[in-house]
Structure formats: C-alpha cells, structure tokens
PDB file of N, CA and C in Angstrom:
ATOM      1  N   MET A   1       8.047  -5.380   9.889  1.00  0.00           N
ATOM      2  CA  MET A   1       7.658  -5.066   8.521  1.00  0.00           C
ATOM      3  C   MET A   1       8.728  -4.150   7.938  1.00  0.00           C
ATOM      4  N   LEU A   2       9.279  -4.571   6.824  1.00  0.00           N
ATOM      5  CA  LEU A   2      10.349  -3.827   6.181  1.00  0.00           C
ATOM      6  C   LEU A   2       9.803  -3.086   4.968  1.00  0.00           C
ATOM      7  N   LEU A   3       9.876  -1.765   5.001  1.00  0.00           N
ATOM      8  CA  LEU A   3       9.426  -0.950   3.881  1.00  0.00           C
ATOM      9  C   LEU A   3      10.621  -0.209   3.312  1.00  0.00           C
ATOM     10  N   HIS A   4      10.669  -0.129   1.997  1.00  0.00           N
ATOM     11  CA  HIS A   4      11.754   0.576   1.327  1.00  0.00           C
ATOM     12  C   HIS A   4      11.231   1.917   0.838  1.00  0.00           C
ATOM     13  N   LEU A   5      11.702   2.993   1.447  1.00  0.00           N
ATOM     14  CA  LEU A   5      11.298   4.333   1.059  1.00  0.00           C
ATOM     15  C   LEU A   5      12.474   5.052   0.436  1.00  0.00           C
ATOM     16  N   ASP A   6      12.193   5.889  -0.545  1.00  0.00           N
ATOM     17  CA  ASP A   6      13.224   6.682  -1.198  1.00  0.00           C
ATOM     18  C   ASP A   6      12.842   8.147  -1.054  1.00  0.00           C
ATOM     19  N   PHE A   7      13.505   8.838  -0.156  1.00  0.00           N
ATOM     20  CA  PHE A   7      13.184  10.226   0.152  1.00  0.00           C
ATOM     21  C   PHE A   7      13.591  11.182  -0.963  1.00  0.00           C
ATOM     22  N   SER A   8      14.327  10.679  -1.959  1.00  0.00           N
ATOM     23  CA  SER A   8      14.739  11.548  -3.061  1.00  0.00           C
ATOM     24  C   SER A   8      13.715  11.571  -4.202  1.00  0.00           C
ATOM     25  N   LEU A   9      12.724  10.686  -4.144  1.00  0.00           N
ATOM     26  CA  LEU A   9      11.703  10.630  -5.193  1.00  0.00           C
ATOM     27  C   LEU A   9      10.687  11.759  -5.039  1.00  0.00           C
ATOM     28  N   ASP A  10      10.010  12.068  -6.128  1.00  0.00           N
ATOM     29  CA  ASP A  10       8.922  13.046  -6.090  1.00  0.00           C
ATOM     30  C   ASP A  10       7.642  12.438  -5.517  1.00  0.00           C
ATOM     31  N   THR A  11       7.567  11.111  -5.458  1.00  0.00           N
ATOM     32  CA  THR A  11       6.395  10.428  -4.911  1.00  0.00           C
ATOM     33  C   THR A  11       6.307  10.721  -3.417  1.00  0.00           C
ATOM     34  N   PRO A  12       5.148  11.207  -2.949  1.00  0.00           N
ATOM     35  CA  PRO A  12       5.003  11.503  -1.517  1.00  0.00           C
ATOM     36  C   PRO A  12       5.281  10.269  -0.661  1.00  0.00           C
ATOM     37  N   ILE A  13       5.812  10.493   0.521  1.00  0.00           N
ATOM     38  CA  ILE A  13       6.176   9.386   1.414  1.00  0.00           C
ATOM     39  C   ILE A  13       4.954   8.552   1.778  1.00  0.00           C
ATOM     40  N   TYR A  14       3.805   9.204   2.051  1.00  0.00           N
ATOM     41  CA  TYR A  14       2.615   8.421   2.404  1.00  0.00           C
ATOM     42  C   TYR A  14       2.236   7.485   1.260  1.00  0.00           C
ATOM     43  N   GLN A  15       2.419   7.934   0.014  1.00  0.00           N
ATOM     44  CA  GLN A  15       2.098   7.109  -1.143  1.00  0.00           C
ATOM     45  C   GLN A  15       3.096   5.957  -1.261  1.00  0.00           C
ATOM     46  N   GLN A  16       4.365   6.208  -0.943  1.00  0.00           N
ATOM     47  CA  GLN A  16       5.361   5.137  -0.966  1.00  0.00           C
ATOM     48  C   GLN A  16       5.034   4.075   0.090  1.00  0.00           C
ATOM     49  N   ILE A  17       4.615   4.525   1.274  1.00  0.00           N
ATOM     50  CA  ILE A  17       4.227   3.582   2.330  1.00  0.00           C
ATOM     51  C   ILE A  17       3.048   2.745   1.857  1.00  0.00           C
ATOM     52  N   ARG A  18       2.046   3.414   1.293  1.00  0.00           N
ATOM     53  CA  ARG A  18       0.864   2.729   0.757  1.00  0.00           C
ATOM     54  C   ARG A  18       1.277   1.695  -0.285  1.00  0.00           C
ATOM     55  N   ASN A  19       2.116   2.105  -1.219  1.00  0.00           N
ATOM     56  CA  ASN A  19       2.537   1.210  -2.292  1.00  0.00           C
ATOM     57  C   ASN A  19       3.306  -0.001  -1.760  1.00  0.00           C
ATOM     58  N   GLU A  20       4.174   0.215  -0.799  1.00  0.00           N
ATOM     59  CA  GLU A  20       4.958  -0.884  -0.224  1.00  0.00           C
ATOM     60  C   GLU A  20       4.056  -1.885   0.491  1.00  0.00           C
ATOM     61  N   ILE A  21       3.043  -1.400   1.190  1.00  0.00           N
ATOM     62  CA  ILE A  21       2.120  -2.306   1.875  1.00  0.00           C
ATOM     63  C   ILE A  21       1.304  -3.094   0.854  1.00  0.00           C
ATOM     64  N   VAL A  22       0.840  -2.447  -0.204  1.00  0.00           N
ATOM     65  CA  VAL A  22       0.099  -3.155  -1.260  1.00  0.00           C
ATOM     66  C   VAL A  22       0.994  -4.207  -1.903  1.00  0.00           C
ATOM     67  N   ARG A  23       2.250  -3.862  -2.152  1.00  0.00           N
ATOM     68  CA  ARG A  23       3.186  -4.852  -2.720  1.00  0.00           C
ATOM     69  C   ARG A  23       3.371  -6.035  -1.782  1.00  0.00           C
ATOM     70  N   GLY A  24       3.454  -5.765  -0.486  1.00  0.00           N
ATOM     71  CA  GLY A  24       3.589  -6.837   0.500  1.00  0.00           C
ATOM     72  C   GLY A  24       2.385  -7.761   0.511  1.00  0.00           C
ATOM     73  N   ILE A  25       1.198  -7.183   0.378  1.00  0.00           N
ATOM     74  CA  ILE A  25      -0.019  -7.991   0.316  1.00  0.00           C
ATOM     75  C   ILE A  25      -0.014  -8.838  -0.952  1.00  0.00           C
ATOM     76  N   ALA A  26       0.334  -8.220  -2.080  1.00  0.00           N
ATOM     77  CA  ALA A  26       0.359  -8.936  -3.358  1.00  0.00           C
ATOM     78  C   ALA A  26       1.381 -10.065  -3.351  1.00  0.00           C
ATOM     79  N   ALA A  27       2.523  -9.837  -2.696  1.00  0.00           N
ATOM     80  CA  ALA A  27       3.582 -10.848  -2.663  1.00  0.00           C
ATOM     81  C   ALA A  27       3.314 -11.950  -1.638  1.00  0.00           C
ATOM     82  N   GLY A  28       2.346 -11.723  -0.755  1.00  0.00           N
ATOM     83  CA  GLY A  28       2.038 -12.723   0.263  1.00  0.00           C
ATOM     84  C   GLY A  28       2.849 -12.588   1.533  1.00  0.00           C
ATOM     85  N   SER A  29       3.694 -11.558   1.620  1.00  0.00           N
ATOM     86  CA  SER A  29       4.446 -11.361   2.862  1.00  0.00           C
ATOM     87  C   SER A  29       3.581 -10.689   3.925  1.00  0.00           C
ATOM     88  N   LEU A  30       2.472 -10.097   3.521  1.00  0.00           N
ATOM     89  CA  LEU A  30       1.449  -9.593   4.443  1.00  0.00           C
ATOM     90  C   LEU A  30       0.171 -10.353   4.127  1.00  0.00           C
ATOM     91  N   VAL A  31      -0.365 -11.052   5.103  1.00  0.00           N
ATOM     92  CA  VAL A  31      -1.513 -11.929   4.868  1.00  0.00           C
ATOM     93  C   VAL A  31      -2.746 -11.420   5.604  1.00  0.00           C
ATOM     94  N   PRO A  32      -3.937 -11.768   5.107  1.00  0.00           N
ATOM     95  CA  PRO A  32      -5.166 -11.335   5.777  1.00  0.00           C
ATOM     96  C   PRO A  32      -5.155 -11.679   7.261  1.00  0.00           C
ATOM     97  N   GLY A  33      -5.540 -10.702   8.071  1.00  0.00           N
ATOM     98  CA  GLY A  33      -5.566 -10.874   9.516  1.00  0.00           C
ATOM     99  C   GLY A  33      -4.271 -10.505  10.217  1.00  0.00           C
ATOM    100  N   GLN A  34      -3.211 -10.310   9.460  1.00  0.00           N
ATOM    101  CA  GLN A  34      -1.927  -9.972  10.059  1.00  0.00           C
ATOM    102  C   GLN A  34      -1.970  -8.557  10.624  1.00  0.00           C
ATOM    103  N   GLN A  35      -1.497  -8.431  11.840  1.00  0.00           N
ATOM    104  CA  GLN A  35      -1.470  -7.132  12.502  1.00  0.00           C
ATOM    105  C   GLN A  35      -0.308  -6.298  11.977  1.00  0.00           C
ATOM    106  N   LEU A  36      -0.574  -5.025  11.714  1.00  0.00           N
ATOM    107  CA  LEU A  36       0.461  -4.093  11.286  1.00  0.00           C
ATOM    108  C   LEU A  36       0.935  -3.283  12.488  1.00  0.00           C
ATOM    109  N   PRO A  37       2.112  -2.687  12.395  1.00  0.00           N
ATOM    110  CA  PRO A  37       2.584  -1.847  13.496  1.00  0.00           C
ATOM    111  C   PRO A  37       1.623  -0.676  13.714  1.00  0.00           C
ATOM    112  N   THR A  38       1.617  -0.165  14.921  1.00  0.00           N
ATOM    113  CA  THR A  38       0.808   1.025  15.178  1.00  0.00           C
ATOM    114  C   THR A  38       1.359   2.174  14.341  1.00  0.00           C
ATOM    115  N   ILE A  39       0.541   3.182  14.160  1.00  0.00           N
ATOM    116  CA  ILE A  39       0.958   4.348  13.391  1.00  0.00           C
ATOM    117  C   ILE A  39       2.210   4.965  14.003  1.00  0.00           C
ATOM    118  N   ARG A  40       2.206   5.134  15.304  1.00  0.00           N
ATOM    119  CA  ARG A  40       3.363   5.735  15.989  1.00  0.00           C
ATOM    120  C   ARG A  40       4.617   4.878  15.845  1.00  0.00           C
ATOM    121  N   ALA A  41       4.456   3.571  16.007  1.00  0.00           N
ATOM    122  CA  ALA A  41       5.620   2.676  15.922  1.00  0.00           C
ATOM    123  C   ALA A  41       6.209   2.682  14.514  1.00  0.00           C
ATOM    124  N   LEU A  42       5.356   2.629  13.495  1.00  0.00           N
ATOM    125  CA  LEU A  42       5.858   2.623  12.123  1.00  0.00           C
ATOM    126  C   LEU A  42       6.508   3.958  11.780  1.00  0.00           C
ATOM    127  N   ALA A  43       5.901   5.055  12.228  1.00  0.00           N
ATOM    128  CA  ALA A  43       6.480   6.378  11.978  1.00  0.00           C
ATOM    129  C   ALA A  43       7.870   6.477  12.597  1.00  0.00           C
ATOM    130  N   GLU A  44       8.004   5.973  13.811  1.00  0.00           N
ATOM    131  CA  GLU A  44       9.307   6.019  14.494  1.00  0.00           C
ATOM    132  C   GLU A  44      10.332   5.148  13.762  1.00  0.00           C
ATOM    133  N   THR A  45       9.925   3.952  13.359  1.00  0.00           N
ATOM    134  CA  THR A  45      10.819   3.046  12.641  1.00  0.00           C
ATOM    135  C   THR A  45      11.305   3.653  11.328  1.00  0.00           C
ATOM    136  N   LEU A  46      10.376   4.300  10.610  1.00  0.00           N
ATOM    137  CA  LEU A  46      10.715   4.868   9.308  1.00  0.00           C
ATOM    138  C   LEU A  46      11.346   6.251   9.403  1.00  0.00           C
ATOM    139  N   GLY A  47      11.224   6.886  10.559  1.00  0.00           N
ATOM    140  CA  GLY A  47      11.767   8.229  10.721  1.00  0.00           C
ATOM    141  C   GLY A  47      10.943   9.284   9.999  1.00  0.00           C
ATOM    142  N   VAL A  48       9.614   9.074   9.999  1.00  0.00           N
ATOM    143  CA  VAL A  48       8.717  10.025   9.353  1.00  0.00           C
ATOM    144  C   VAL A  48       7.696  10.526  10.368  1.00  0.00           C
ATOM    145  N   ASN A  49       6.949  11.551   9.961  1.00  0.00           N
ATOM    146  CA  ASN A  49       5.921  12.136  10.810  1.00  0.00           C
ATOM    147  C   ASN A  49       4.761  11.150  10.992  1.00  0.00           C
ATOM    148  N   VAL A  50       4.164  11.166  12.164  1.00  0.00           N
ATOM    149  CA  VAL A  50       3.030  10.298  12.466  1.00  0.00           C
ATOM    150  C   VAL A  50       1.884  10.529  11.476  1.00  0.00           C
ATOM    151  N   MET A  51       1.666  11.780  11.094  1.00  0.00           N
ATOM    152  CA  MET A  51       0.579  12.098  10.172  1.00  0.00           C
ATOM    153  C   MET A  51       0.806  11.485   8.786  1.00  0.00           C
ATOM    154  N   THR A  52       2.055  11.289   8.410  1.00  0.00           N
ATOM    155  CA  THR A  52       2.377  10.663   7.127  1.00  0.00           C
ATOM    156  C   THR A  52       1.900   9.213   7.119  1.00  0.00           C
ATOM    157  N   VAL A  53       2.206   8.487   8.173  1.00  0.00           N
ATOM    158  CA  VAL A  53       1.773   7.091   8.281  1.00  0.00           C
ATOM    159  C   VAL A  53       0.255   7.032   8.433  1.00  0.00           C
ATOM    160  N   ASN A  54      -0.306   7.952   9.205  1.00  0.00           N
ATOM    161  CA  ASN A  54      -1.759   7.997   9.381  1.00  0.00           C
ATOM    162  C   ASN A  54      -2.454   8.158   8.033  1.00  0.00           C
ATOM    163  N   LYS A  55      -1.926   9.025   7.177  1.00  0.00           N
ATOM    164  CA  LYS A  55      -2.515   9.253   5.856  1.00  0.00           C
ATOM    165  C   LYS A  55      -2.429   7.990   4.997  1.00  0.00           C
ATOM    166  N   ALA A  56      -1.303   7.297   5.063  1.00  0.00           N
ATOM    167  CA  ALA A  56      -1.137   6.053   4.296  1.00  0.00           C
ATOM    168  C   ALA A  56      -2.120   4.987   4.782  1.00  0.00           C
ATOM    169  N   TYR A  57      -2.229   4.804   6.099  1.00  0.00           N
ATOM    170  CA  TYR A  57      -3.149   3.812   6.658  1.00  0.00           C
ATOM    171  C   TYR A  57      -4.590   4.167   6.307  1.00  0.00           C
ATOM    172  N   ALA A  58      -4.950   5.445   6.397  1.00  0.00           N
ATOM    173  CA  ALA A  58      -6.316   5.871   6.077  1.00  0.00           C
ATOM    174  C   ALA A  58      -6.647   5.560   4.619  1.00  0.00           C
ATOM    175  N   LEU A  59      -5.704   5.820   3.735  1.00  0.00           N
ATOM    176  CA  LEU A  59      -5.899   5.536   2.314  1.00  0.00           C
ATOM    177  C   LEU A  59      -6.066   4.031   2.087  1.00  0.00           C
ATOM    178  N   LEU A  60      -5.238   3.235   2.738  1.00  0.00           N
ATOM    179  CA  LEU A  60      -5.317   1.783   2.603  1.00  0.00           C
ATOM    180  C   LEU A  60      -6.633   1.234   3.154  1.00  0.00           C
ATOM    181  N   LYS A  61      -7.129   1.820   4.234  1.00  0.00           N
ATOM    182  CA  LYS A  61      -8.431   1.409   4.773  1.00  0.00           C
ATOM    183  C   LYS A  61      -9.542   1.780   3.802  1.00  0.00           C
ATOM    184  N   GLN A  62      -9.470   2.976   3.263  1.00  0.00           N
ATOM    185  CA  GLN A  62     -10.466   3.443   2.298  1.00  0.00           C
ATOM    186  C   GLN A  62     -10.505   2.543   1.062  1.00  0.00           C
ATOM    187  N   GLU A  63      -9.341   2.088   0.639  1.00  0.00           N
ATOM    188  CA  GLU A  63      -9.240   1.225  -0.540  1.00  0.00           C
ATOM    189  C   GLU A  63      -9.570  -0.235  -0.240  1.00  0.00           C
ATOM    190  N   GLY A  64      -9.719  -0.573   1.040  1.00  0.00           N
ATOM    191  CA  GLY A  64     -10.089  -1.930   1.416  1.00  0.00           C
ATOM    192  C   GLY A  64      -8.943  -2.878   1.680  1.00  0.00           C
ATOM    193  N   TYR A  65      -7.713  -2.376   1.694  1.00  0.00           N
ATOM    194  CA  TYR A  65      -6.553  -3.236   1.955  1.00  0.00           C
ATOM    195  C   TYR A  65      -6.349  -3.504   3.443  1.00  0.00           C
ATOM    196  N   LEU A  66      -6.732  -2.562   4.274  1.00  0.00           N
ATOM    197  CA  LEU A  66      -6.580  -2.695   5.719  1.00  0.00           C
ATOM    198  C   LEU A  66      -7.938  -2.498   6.387  1.00  0.00           C
ATOM    199  N   ARG A  67      -8.032  -2.999   7.619  1.00  0.00           N
ATOM    200  CA  ARG A  67      -9.227  -2.739   8.417  1.00  0.00           C
ATOM    201  C   ARG A  67      -8.808  -2.552   9.866  1.00  0.00           C
ATOM    202  N   ALA A  68      -9.627  -1.803  10.571  1.00  0.00           N
ATOM    203  CA  ALA A  68      -9.368  -1.576  11.989  1.00  0.00           C
ATOM    204  C   ALA A  68     -10.075  -2.654  12.785  1.00  0.00           C
ATOM    205  N   ASP A  69      -9.360  -3.276  13.683  1.00  0.00           N
ATOM    206  CA  ASP A  69      -9.916  -4.302  14.548  1.00  0.00           C
ATOM    207  C   ASP A  69      -9.732  -3.836  15.983  1.00  0.00           C
ATOM    208  N   ARG A  70     -10.795  -3.762  16.735  1.00  0.00           N
ATOM    209  CA  ARG A  70     -10.719  -3.230  18.109  1.00  0.00           C
ATOM    210  C   ARG A  70      -9.758  -4.011  18.992  1.00  0.00           C
ATOM    211  N   ARG A  71      -9.660  -5.294  18.737  1.00  0.00           N
ATOM    212  CA  ARG A  71      -8.780  -6.113  19.571  1.00  0.00           C
ATOM    213  C   ARG A  71      -7.358  -6.160  19.052  1.00  0.00           C
ATOM    214  N   SER A  72      -7.206  -6.137  17.722  1.00  0.00           N
ATOM    215  CA  SER A  72      -5.882  -6.341  17.136  1.00  0.00           C
ATOM    216  C   SER A  72      -5.252  -5.089  16.548  1.00  0.00           C
ATOM    217  N   GLY A  73      -5.963  -3.982  16.524  1.00  0.00           N
ATOM    218  CA  GLY A  73      -5.433  -2.776  15.894  1.00  0.00           C
ATOM    219  C   GLY A  73      -5.678  -2.816  14.397  1.00  0.00           C
ATOM    220  N   THR A  74      -4.724  -2.354  13.631  1.00  0.00           N
ATOM    221  CA  THR A  74      -4.855  -2.335  12.172  1.00  0.00           C
ATOM    222  C   THR A  74      -4.340  -3.657  11.612  1.00  0.00           C
ATOM    223  N   VAL A  75      -5.186  -4.303  10.811  1.00  0.00           N
ATOM    224  CA  VAL A  75      -4.825  -5.600  10.246  1.00  0.00           C
ATOM    225  C   VAL A  75      -5.051  -5.591   8.743  1.00  0.00           C
ATOM    226  N   VAL A  76      -4.383  -6.516   8.071  1.00  0.00           N
ATOM    227  CA  VAL A  76      -4.564  -6.696   6.633  1.00  0.00           C
ATOM    228  C   VAL A  76      -5.952  -7.292   6.419  1.00  0.00           C
ATOM    229  N   ALA A  77      -6.707  -6.680   5.525  1.00  0.00           N
ATOM    230  CA  ALA A  77      -8.051  -7.166   5.213  1.00  0.00           C
ATOM    231  C   ALA A  77      -7.956  -8.366   4.281  1.00  0.00           C
ATOM    232  N   GLY A  78      -9.079  -9.008   4.058  1.00  0.00           N
ATOM    233  CA  GLY A  78      -9.142 -10.096   3.086  1.00  0.00           C
ATOM    234  C   GLY A  78      -9.173  -9.511   1.688  1.00  0.00           C
ATOM    235  N   ARG A  79      -9.672 -10.246   0.760  1.00  0.00           N
ATOM    236  CA  ARG A  79      -9.771  -9.765  -0.623  1.00  0.00           C
ATOM    237  C   ARG A  79     -10.530  -8.452  -0.668  1.00  0.00           C
ATOM    238  N   THR A  80     -10.079  -7.574  -1.565  1.00  0.00           N
ATOM    239  CA  THR A  80     -10.708  -6.263  -1.679  1.00  0.00           C
ATOM    240  C   THR A  80     -11.879  -6.256  -2.642  1.00  0.00           C
ATOM    241  N   GLY A  81     -12.152  -7.364  -3.295  1.00  0.00           N
ATOM    242  CA  GLY A  81     -13.284  -7.421  -4.209  1.00  0.00           C
ATOM    243  C   GLY A  81     -12.875  -7.143  -5.638  1.00  0.00           C
ATOM    244  N   PRO A  82     -13.867  -6.906  -6.497  1.00  0.00           N
ATOM    245  CA  PRO A  82     -13.569  -6.694  -7.915  1.00  0.00           C
ATOM    246  C   PRO A  82     -12.839  -5.384  -8.138  1.00  0.00           C
ATOM    247  N   LEU A  83     -12.196  -5.281  -9.288  1.00  0.00           N
ATOM    248  CA  LEU A  83     -11.479  -4.059  -9.650  1.00  0.00           C
ATOM    249  C   LEU A  83     -12.438  -2.889  -9.766  1.00  0.00           C
ATOM    250  N   THR A  84     -12.027  -1.756  -9.248  1.00  0.00           N
ATOM    251  CA  THR A  84     -12.810  -0.546  -9.443  1.00  0.00           C
ATOM    252  C   THR A  84     -12.513  -0.010 -10.840  1.00  0.00           C
ATOM    253  N   ASP A  85     -13.369   0.859 -11.330  1.00  0.00           N
ATOM    254  CA  ASP A  85     -13.151   1.454 -12.649  1.00  0.00           C
ATOM    255  C   ASP A  85     -11.838   2.228 -12.684  1.00  0.00           C
ATOM    256  N   ASP A  86     -11.519   2.942 -11.589  1.00  0.00           N
ATOM    257  CA  ASP A  86     -10.277   3.714 -11.536  1.00  0.00           C
ATOM    258  C   ASP A  86      -9.059   2.805 -11.604  1.00  0.00           C
ATOM    259  N   LEU A  87      -9.100   1.707 -10.861  1.00  0.00           N
ATOM    260  CA  LEU A  87      -7.966   0.783 -10.862  1.00  0.00           C
ATOM    261  C   LEU A  87      -7.830   0.103 -12.221  1.00  0.00           C
ATOM    262  N   ARG A  88      -8.943  -0.278 -12.806  1.00  0.00           N
ATOM    263  CA  ARG A  88      -8.907  -0.906 -14.127  1.00  0.00           C
ATOM    264  C   ARG A  88      -8.282   0.053 -15.151  1.00  0.00           C
ATOM    265  N   ALA A  89      -8.693   1.327 -15.123  1.00  0.00           N
ATOM    266  CA  ALA A  89      -8.146   2.320 -16.055  1.00  0.00           C
ATOM    267  C   ALA A  89      -6.650   2.514 -15.825  1.00  0.00           C
ATOM    268  N   ALA A  90      -6.234   2.555 -14.558  1.00  0.00           N
ATOM    269  CA  ALA A  90      -4.810   2.720 -14.248  1.00  0.00           C
ATOM    270  C   ALA A  90      -4.004   1.524 -14.739  1.00  0.00           C
ATOM    271  N   LEU A  91      -4.538   0.320 -14.580  1.00  0.00           N
ATOM    272  CA  LEU A  91      -3.845  -0.886 -15.050  1.00  0.00           C
ATOM    273  C   LEU A  91      -3.748  -0.913 -16.576  1.00  0.00           C
ATOM    274  N   GLU A  92      -4.817  -0.519 -17.240  1.00  0.00           N
ATOM    275  CA  GLU A  92      -4.788  -0.479 -18.695  1.00  0.00           C
ATOM    276  C   GLU A  92      -3.761   0.527 -19.195  1.00  0.00           C
ATOM    277  N   LEU A  93      -3.687   1.681 -18.539  1.00  0.00           N
ATOM    278  CA  LEU A  93      -2.707   2.694 -18.911  1.00  0.00           C
ATOM    279  C   LEU A  93      -1.281   2.190 -18.658  1.00  0.00           C
ATOM    280  N   ALA A  94      -1.062   1.568 -17.507  1.00  0.00           N
ATOM    281  CA  ALA A  94       0.270   1.050 -17.192  1.00  0.00           C
ATOM    282  C   ALA A  94       0.693  -0.014 -18.200  1.00  0.00           C
ATOM    283  N   ALA A  95      -0.232  -0.887 -18.582  1.00  0.00           N
ATOM    284  CA  ALA A  95       0.078  -1.918 -19.575  1.00  0.00           C
ATOM    285  C   ALA A  95       0.404  -1.284 -20.926  1.00  0.00           C
ATOM    286  N   ALA A  96      -0.353  -0.269 -21.314  1.00  0.00           N
ATOM    287  CA  ALA A  96      -0.102   0.410 -22.587  1.00  0.00           C
ATOM    288  C   ALA A  96       1.269   1.092 -22.572  1.00  0.00           C
ATOM    289  N   GLN A  97       1.604   1.715 -21.465  1.00  0.00           N
ATOM    290  CA  GLN A  97       2.912   2.379 -21.348  1.00  0.00           C
ATOM    291  C   GLN A  97       4.033   1.352 -21.396  1.00  0.00           C
ATOM    292  N   ALA A  98       3.829   0.217 -20.760  1.00  0.00           N
ATOM    293  CA  ALA A  98       4.848  -0.835 -20.788  1.00  0.00           C
ATOM    294  C   ALA A  98       5.051  -1.359 -22.207  1.00  0.00           C
ATOM    295  N   ARG A  99       3.939  -1.618 -22.912  1.00  0.00           N
ATOM    296  CA  ARG A  99       4.052  -2.088 -24.296  1.00  0.00           C
ATOM    297  C   ARG A  99       4.732  -1.060 -25.169  1.00  0.00           C
ATOM    298  N   ALA A 100       4.382   0.216 -25.006  1.00  0.00           N
ATOM    299  CA  ALA A 100       4.975   1.293 -25.809  1.00  0.00           C
ATOM    300  C   ALA A 100       6.471   1.433 -25.523  1.00  0.00           C
ATOM    301  N   SER A 101       6.893   1.048 -24.326  1.00  0.00           N
ATOM    302  CA  SER A 101       8.303   1.132 -23.956  1.00  0.00           C
ATOM    303  C   SER A 101       9.078  -0.118 -24.337  1.00  0.00           C
ATOM    304  N   GLY A 102       8.362  -1.096 -24.918  1.00  0.00           N
ATOM    305  CA  GLY A 102       9.030  -2.311 -25.353  1.00  0.00           C
ATOM    306  C   GLY A 102       9.078  -3.413 -24.315  1.00  0.00           C
ATOM    307  N   VAL A 103       8.347  -3.279 -23.229  1.00  0.00           N
ATOM    308  CA  VAL A 103       8.314  -4.320 -22.209  1.00  0.00           C
ATOM    309  C   VAL A 103       7.342  -5.402 -22.662  1.00  0.00           C
ATOM    310  N   PRO A 104       7.809  -6.637 -22.800  1.00  0.00           N
ATOM    311  CA  PRO A 104       6.907  -7.699 -23.246  1.00  0.00           C
ATOM    312  C   PRO A 104       5.925  -8.080 -22.138  1.00  0.00           C
ATOM    313  N   LEU A 105       4.655  -8.114 -22.475  1.00  0.00           N
ATOM    314  CA  LEU A 105       3.619  -8.521 -21.523  1.00  0.00           C
ATOM    315  C   LEU A 105       3.059  -9.853 -21.983  1.00  0.00           C
ATOM    316  N   GLU A 106       2.916 -10.757 -21.064  1.00  0.00           N
ATOM    317  CA  GLU A 106       2.390 -12.083 -21.426  1.00  0.00           C
ATOM    318  C   GLU A 106       1.031 -12.282 -20.856  1.00  0.00           C
TER     319      GLU A 106
END
C-alpha cells in the first residue's frame, strides 16, 4: 500500500494517513475485504510512530471504512452507509468553497 505523506503540512500525519486510505477506497485501489498492513508494519514503512498509525486506523474504524477481522486483521469494510450530517455539511462547504474559488462543478 503506497501512501503519500507530506511532513511539511500542518495537517496531522494520522489525518493524512486516514485521508490517503479513504482516497484509496474511493479510487478502488483498496477494495472491501482487502487486508491492510499491521499497524507496526505500516508505521515502519512510513517512518512514523506506531501510535500515529493506530490513531488513523481507529478513526477509520469509527467512521466505518475499516473493520477488525480476527482471522485477517484490519480489512477494508464494505459500504459505509448513508452520509452522516457532519459529512454532508463538510461536502456542502467544500463545494461552496470550490465554486467561490472559480472551480467548475458539474
């Protein structure tokens, strides 16, 4: 699994990890049931603290993107269900900001 992190950004590393995994799911490069690296293995690969990856995985599980499987470890979950109110509000704000910046939305 290839994640692109930028250590110079103000965005916390755990949030960047979370965002990259969500992007992978959205793009189809991470599919439901696919096993993810262990927390320790991913932390070592990325050169970050184990707790950073643990926080990202915990957030993704809480949001319904990942699930723990006793046999397979951490895997990509299926569909997360309908949009939450928080996600809907964030999407509406992002769309408004894009329109205000001149980005055409179709």
